Amino acid sequence: MIHLQREKQRRQQNLTQLKKSITSLFECIEKIPKNELERVISNEHEIPNCSLKVLSMKVLQDMEELELNLKSQVHENAADGEKLWEKIRQLWSRLSIDEEIRIAFEKVHRGIPNPTGEKNEITYKPSALKGVGIYILLSRKTIFVVFFVRHV
């Protein structure tokens, strides 16, 4: 009987840790829960008759798989963000943007610390990636206009 109580306690701790991690990852990648498991995990309050009342190994495995998928998305966002920042730096050098403006822009638009725990890694929310992408498009248009005006 004591063994069962310990196992239940271990699973409960694992559930709590996974739920906290998954909720943080949902927030980071701005994901809206789609299926029942995701909705239950992201809900702060207990939901009556939910599948998490039974702490089966299947439920914990599903949560671990979800956590891995979300972490993968966070890493993809980080890589996408770095690619976009490299494009911005190239555009800035072509436009001869002042260092002051560059620093101010980076402070406002830089990513957030990675919630997966990797030290010094920055990731980006999808809305931030979209905003940086729009900035790149506008900068390219500016380069075209500057080029066109200089050569007309």
C-alpha atoms as a PDB file:
ATOM      1  CA  MET A   1       0.000   0.000   0.000  1.00  0.00           C
ATOM      2  CA  ILE A   2       2.839   2.386   0.806  1.00  0.00           C
ATOM      3  CA  HIS A   3       4.349   1.669  -2.597  1.00  0.00           C
ATOM      4  CA  LEU A   4       1.110   2.746  -4.301  1.00  0.00           C
ATOM      5  CA  GLN A   5       0.964   5.956  -2.282  1.00  0.00           C
ATOM      6  CA  ARG A   6       4.558   6.789  -3.249  1.00  0.00           C
ATOM      7  CA  GLU A   7       3.817   6.072  -6.893  1.00  0.00           C
ATOM      8  CA  LYS A   8       0.742   8.282  -6.778  1.00  0.00           C
ATOM      9  CA  GLN A   9       2.751  11.071  -5.158  1.00  0.00           C
ATOM     10  CA  ARG A  10       5.534  10.717  -7.755  1.00  0.00           C
ATOM     11  CA  ARG A  11       3.015  10.882 -10.608  1.00  0.00           C
ATOM     12  CA  GLN A  12       1.282  13.870  -9.045  1.00  0.00           C
ATOM     13  CA  GLN A  13       4.603  15.725  -8.796  1.00  0.00           C
ATOM     14  CA  ASN A  14       5.422  14.799 -12.389  1.00  0.00           C
ATOM     15  CA  LEU A  15       1.973  16.018 -13.491  1.00  0.00           C
ATOM     16  CA  THR A  16       2.405  19.329 -11.667  1.00  0.00           C
ATOM     17  CA  GLN A  17       5.841  19.896 -13.170  1.00  0.00           C
ATOM     18  CA  LEU A  18       4.693  19.010 -16.696  1.00  0.00           C
ATOM     19  CA  LYS A  19       1.587  21.175 -16.404  1.00  0.00           C
ATOM     20  CA  LYS A  20       3.671  24.169 -15.318  1.00  0.00           C
ATOM     21  CA  SER A  21       6.185  23.654 -18.127  1.00  0.00           C
ATOM     22  CA  ILE A  22       3.522  23.137 -20.805  1.00  0.00           C
ATOM     23  CA  THR A  23       1.558  26.181 -19.684  1.00  0.00           C
ATOM     24  CA  SER A  24       4.703  28.306 -19.911  1.00  0.00           C
ATOM     25  CA  LEU A  25       5.471  26.944 -23.374  1.00  0.00           C
ATOM     26  CA  PHE A  26       1.899  27.582 -24.564  1.00  0.00           C
ATOM     27  CA  GLU A  27       2.282  31.178 -23.463  1.00  0.00           C
ATOM     28  CA  CYS A  28       5.682  31.538 -25.108  1.00  0.00           C
ATOM     29  CA  ILE A  29       4.562  30.330 -28.531  1.00  0.00           C
ATOM     30  CA  GLU A  30       1.101  31.886 -28.218  1.00  0.00           C
ATOM     31  CA  LYS A  31      -0.578  28.533 -28.810  1.00  0.00           C
ATOM     32  CA  ILE A  32      -4.271  28.094 -28.164  1.00  0.00           C
ATOM     33  CA  PRO A  33      -5.116  24.678 -26.699  1.00  0.00           C
ATOM     34  CA  LYS A  34      -6.925  22.602 -29.309  1.00  0.00           C
ATOM     35  CA  ASN A  35      -7.696  19.180 -27.873  1.00  0.00           C
ATOM     36  CA  GLU A  36      -9.075  18.103 -24.507  1.00  0.00           C
ATOM     37  CA  LEU A  37      -5.689  17.308 -22.988  1.00  0.00           C
ATOM     38  CA  GLU A  38      -4.273  20.715 -23.957  1.00  0.00           C
ATOM     39  CA  ARG A  39      -7.347  22.531 -22.615  1.00  0.00           C
ATOM     40  CA  VAL A  40      -7.197  20.664 -19.318  1.00  0.00           C
ATOM     41  CA  ILE A  41      -3.474  21.325 -18.924  1.00  0.00           C
ATOM     42  CA  SER A  42      -3.764  25.027 -19.690  1.00  0.00           C
ATOM     43  CA  ASN A  43      -6.755  25.516 -17.386  1.00  0.00           C
ATOM     44  CA  GLU A  44      -5.668  26.765 -13.965  1.00  0.00           C
ATOM     45  CA  HIS A  45      -8.587  25.132 -12.186  1.00  0.00           C
ATOM     46  CA  GLU A  46      -9.561  21.499 -11.932  1.00  0.00           C
ATOM     47  CA  ILE A  47     -12.104  20.488 -14.506  1.00  0.00           C
ATOM     48  CA  PRO A  48     -14.642  17.940 -13.283  1.00  0.00           C
ATOM     49  CA  ASN A  49     -14.619  14.595 -15.094  1.00  0.00           C
ATOM     50  CA  CYS A  50     -11.378  15.357 -16.913  1.00  0.00           C
ATOM     51  CA  SER A  51      -8.875  12.707 -17.972  1.00  0.00           C
ATOM     52  CA  LEU A  52      -6.199  14.039 -15.603  1.00  0.00           C
ATOM     53  CA  LYS A  53      -8.073  12.766 -12.570  1.00  0.00           C
ATOM     54  CA  VAL A  54      -6.561   9.384 -13.400  1.00  0.00           C
ATOM     55  CA  LEU A  55      -2.800   9.699 -13.366  1.00  0.00           C
ATOM     56  CA  SER A  56      -2.132   6.905 -15.799  1.00  0.00           C
ATOM     57  CA  MET A  57       1.220   6.430 -17.450  1.00  0.00           C
ATOM     58  CA  LYS A  58      -0.530   7.085 -20.785  1.00  0.00           C
ATOM     59  CA  VAL A  59      -1.622  10.569 -19.676  1.00  0.00           C
ATOM     60  CA  LEU A  60       1.870  11.380 -18.409  1.00  0.00           C
ATOM     61  CA  GLN A  61       3.438  10.085 -21.638  1.00  0.00           C
ATOM     62  CA  ASP A  62       1.046  12.205 -23.697  1.00  0.00           C
ATOM     63  CA  MET A  63       1.981  15.239 -21.627  1.00  0.00           C
ATOM     64  CA  GLU A  64       5.707  14.541 -22.044  1.00  0.00           C
ATOM     65  CA  GLU A  65       5.225  14.208 -25.805  1.00  0.00           C
ATOM     66  CA  LEU A  66       3.302  17.487 -25.895  1.00  0.00           C
ATOM     67  CA  GLU A  67       6.049  19.186 -23.898  1.00  0.00           C
ATOM     68  CA  LEU A  68       8.706  17.929 -26.341  1.00  0.00           C
ATOM     69  CA  ASN A  69       6.686  19.166 -29.325  1.00  0.00           C
ATOM     70  CA  LEU A  70       6.252  22.590 -27.734  1.00  0.00           C
ATOM     71  CA  LYS A  71       9.957  22.817 -26.897  1.00  0.00           C
ATOM     72  CA  SER A  72      10.738  21.965 -30.503  1.00  0.00           C
ATOM     73  CA  GLN A  73       8.495  24.827 -31.637  1.00  0.00           C
ATOM     74  CA  VAL A  74      10.269  27.205 -29.235  1.00  0.00           C
ATOM     75  CA  HIS A  75      13.639  26.217 -30.716  1.00  0.00           C
ATOM     76  CA  GLU A  76      12.294  26.673 -34.259  1.00  0.00           C
ATOM     77  CA  ASN A  77      11.061  30.150 -33.318  1.00  0.00           C
ATOM     78  CA  ALA A  78      14.501  30.977 -31.917  1.00  0.00           C
ATOM     79  CA  ALA A  79      16.189  29.867 -35.148  1.00  0.00           C
ATOM     80  CA  ASP A  80      13.664  31.779 -37.278  1.00  0.00           C
ATOM     81  CA  GLY A  81      14.197  34.873 -35.154  1.00  0.00           C
ATOM     82  CA  GLU A  82      17.954  34.730 -35.553  1.00  0.00           C
ATOM     83  CA  LYS A  83      17.587  34.423 -39.341  1.00  0.00           C
ATOM     84  CA  LEU A  84      15.330  37.479 -39.374  1.00  0.00           C
ATOM     85  CA  TRP A  85      17.744  39.452 -37.210  1.00  0.00           C
ATOM     86  CA  GLU A  86      20.572  38.630 -39.597  1.00  0.00           C
ATOM     87  CA  LYS A  87      18.490  40.014 -42.474  1.00  0.00           C
ATOM     88  CA  ILE A  88      17.764  43.154 -40.451  1.00  0.00           C
ATOM     89  CA  ARG A  89      21.466  43.687 -39.747  1.00  0.00           C
ATOM     90  CA  GLN A  90      22.223  43.357 -43.458  1.00  0.00           C
ATOM     91  CA  LEU A  91      19.488  45.874 -44.306  1.00  0.00           C
ATOM     92  CA  TRP A  92      20.717  48.272 -41.647  1.00  0.00           C
ATOM     93  CA  SER A  93      24.211  48.200 -43.082  1.00  0.00           C
ATOM     94  CA  ARG A  94      22.843  48.897 -46.583  1.00  0.00           C
ATOM     95  CA  LEU A  95      20.726  51.788 -45.269  1.00  0.00           C
ATOM     96  CA  SER A  96      23.463  53.149 -42.973  1.00  0.00           C
ATOM     97  CA  ILE A  97      21.134  53.234 -39.964  1.00  0.00           C
ATOM     98  CA  ASP A  98      22.542  55.040 -36.907  1.00  0.00           C
ATOM     99  CA  GLU A  99      23.784  52.894 -34.048  1.00  0.00           C
ATOM    100  CA  GLU A 100      21.413  54.678 -31.644  1.00  0.00           C
ATOM    101  CA  ILE A 101      18.393  53.642 -33.675  1.00  0.00           C
ATOM    102  CA  ARG A 102      19.673  50.074 -33.973  1.00  0.00           C
ATOM    103  CA  ILE A 103      20.116  49.737 -30.216  1.00  0.00           C
ATOM    104  CA  ALA A 104      16.694  51.225 -29.482  1.00  0.00           C
ATOM    105  CA  PHE A 105      15.021  48.927 -32.017  1.00  0.00           C
ATOM    106  CA  GLU A 106      16.764  45.838 -30.617  1.00  0.00           C
ATOM    107  CA  LYS A 107      15.744  46.689 -27.058  1.00  0.00           C
ATOM    108  CA  VAL A 108      12.096  46.875 -28.074  1.00  0.00           C
ATOM    109  CA  HIS A 109      11.995  43.934 -30.484  1.00  0.00           C
ATOM    110  CA  ARG A 110      14.472  41.485 -29.016  1.00  0.00           C
ATOM    111  CA  GLY A 111      13.152  38.086 -28.064  1.00  0.00           C
ATOM    112  CA  ILE A 112      12.315  36.687 -24.655  1.00  0.00           C
ATOM    113  CA  PRO A 113      14.335  34.280 -22.515  1.00  0.00           C
ATOM    114  CA  ASN A 114      13.761  30.693 -23.542  1.00  0.00           C
ATOM    115  CA  PRO A 115      11.330  29.052 -21.083  1.00  0.00           C
ATOM    116  CA  THR A 116      12.868  25.621 -21.707  1.00  0.00           C
ATOM    117  CA  GLY A 117      15.715  26.512 -19.389  1.00  0.00           C
ATOM    118  CA  GLU A 118      18.591  26.771 -21.879  1.00  0.00           C
ATOM    119  CA  LYS A 119      20.917  29.456 -20.618  1.00  0.00           C
ATOM    120  CA  ASN A 120      21.319  32.612 -22.686  1.00  0.00           C
ATOM    121  CA  GLU A 121      18.998  31.349 -25.410  1.00  0.00           C
ATOM    122  CA  ILE A 122      16.402  33.743 -26.705  1.00  0.00           C
ATOM    123  CA  THR A 123      13.213  32.785 -28.462  1.00  0.00           C
ATOM    124  CA  TYR A 124      10.444  34.736 -30.122  1.00  0.00           C
ATOM    125  CA  LYS A 125       6.689  34.734 -29.869  1.00  0.00           C
ATOM    126  CA  PRO A 126       5.029  34.256 -33.260  1.00  0.00           C
ATOM    127  CA  SER A 127       3.573  37.775 -33.106  1.00  0.00           C
ATOM    128  CA  ALA A 128       7.085  39.202 -32.609  1.00  0.00           C
ATOM    129  CA  LEU A 129       8.413  37.188 -35.547  1.00  0.00           C
ATOM    130  CA  LYS A 130       5.615  38.553 -37.694  1.00  0.00           C
ATOM    131  CA  GLY A 131       6.413  42.126 -36.619  1.00  0.00           C
ATOM    132  CA  VAL A 132      10.116  41.725 -37.384  1.00  0.00           C
ATOM    133  CA  GLY A 133       9.224  40.201 -40.760  1.00  0.00           C
ATOM    134  CA  ILE A 134       7.061  43.221 -41.576  1.00  0.00           C
ATOM    135  CA  TYR A 135       9.936  45.524 -40.563  1.00  0.00           C
ATOM    136  CA  ILE A 136      12.191  43.675 -43.022  1.00  0.00           C
ATOM    137  CA  LEU A 137       9.667  44.162 -45.830  1.00  0.00           C
ATOM    138  CA  LEU A 138       9.394  47.870 -45.066  1.00  0.00           C
ATOM    139  CA  SER A 139      13.173  48.206 -44.945  1.00  0.00           C
ATOM    140  CA  ARG A 140      13.493  46.534 -48.334  1.00  0.00           C
ATOM    141  CA  LYS A 141      10.952  48.965 -49.760  1.00  0.00           C
ATOM    142  CA  THR A 142      12.967  51.834 -48.272  1.00  0.00           C
ATOM    143  CA  ILE A 143      16.133  50.527 -49.936  1.00  0.00           C
ATOM    144  CA  PHE A 144      14.294  50.335 -53.252  1.00  0.00           C
ATOM    145  CA  VAL A 145      12.967  53.886 -52.891  1.00  0.00           C
ATOM    146  CA  VAL A 146      16.381  55.260 -51.868  1.00  0.00           C
ATOM    147  CA  PHE A 147      18.022  53.433 -54.755  1.00  0.00           C
ATOM    148  CA  PHE A 148      15.360  54.655 -57.194  1.00  0.00           C
ATOM    149  CA  VAL A 149      15.580  58.291 -56.022  1.00  0.00           C
ATOM    150  CA  ARG A 150      19.386  58.306 -56.259  1.00  0.00           C
ATOM    151  CA  HIS A 151      19.365  56.960 -59.793  1.00  0.00           C
ATOM    152  CA  VAL A 152      16.565  59.073 -61.274  1.00  0.00           C
END
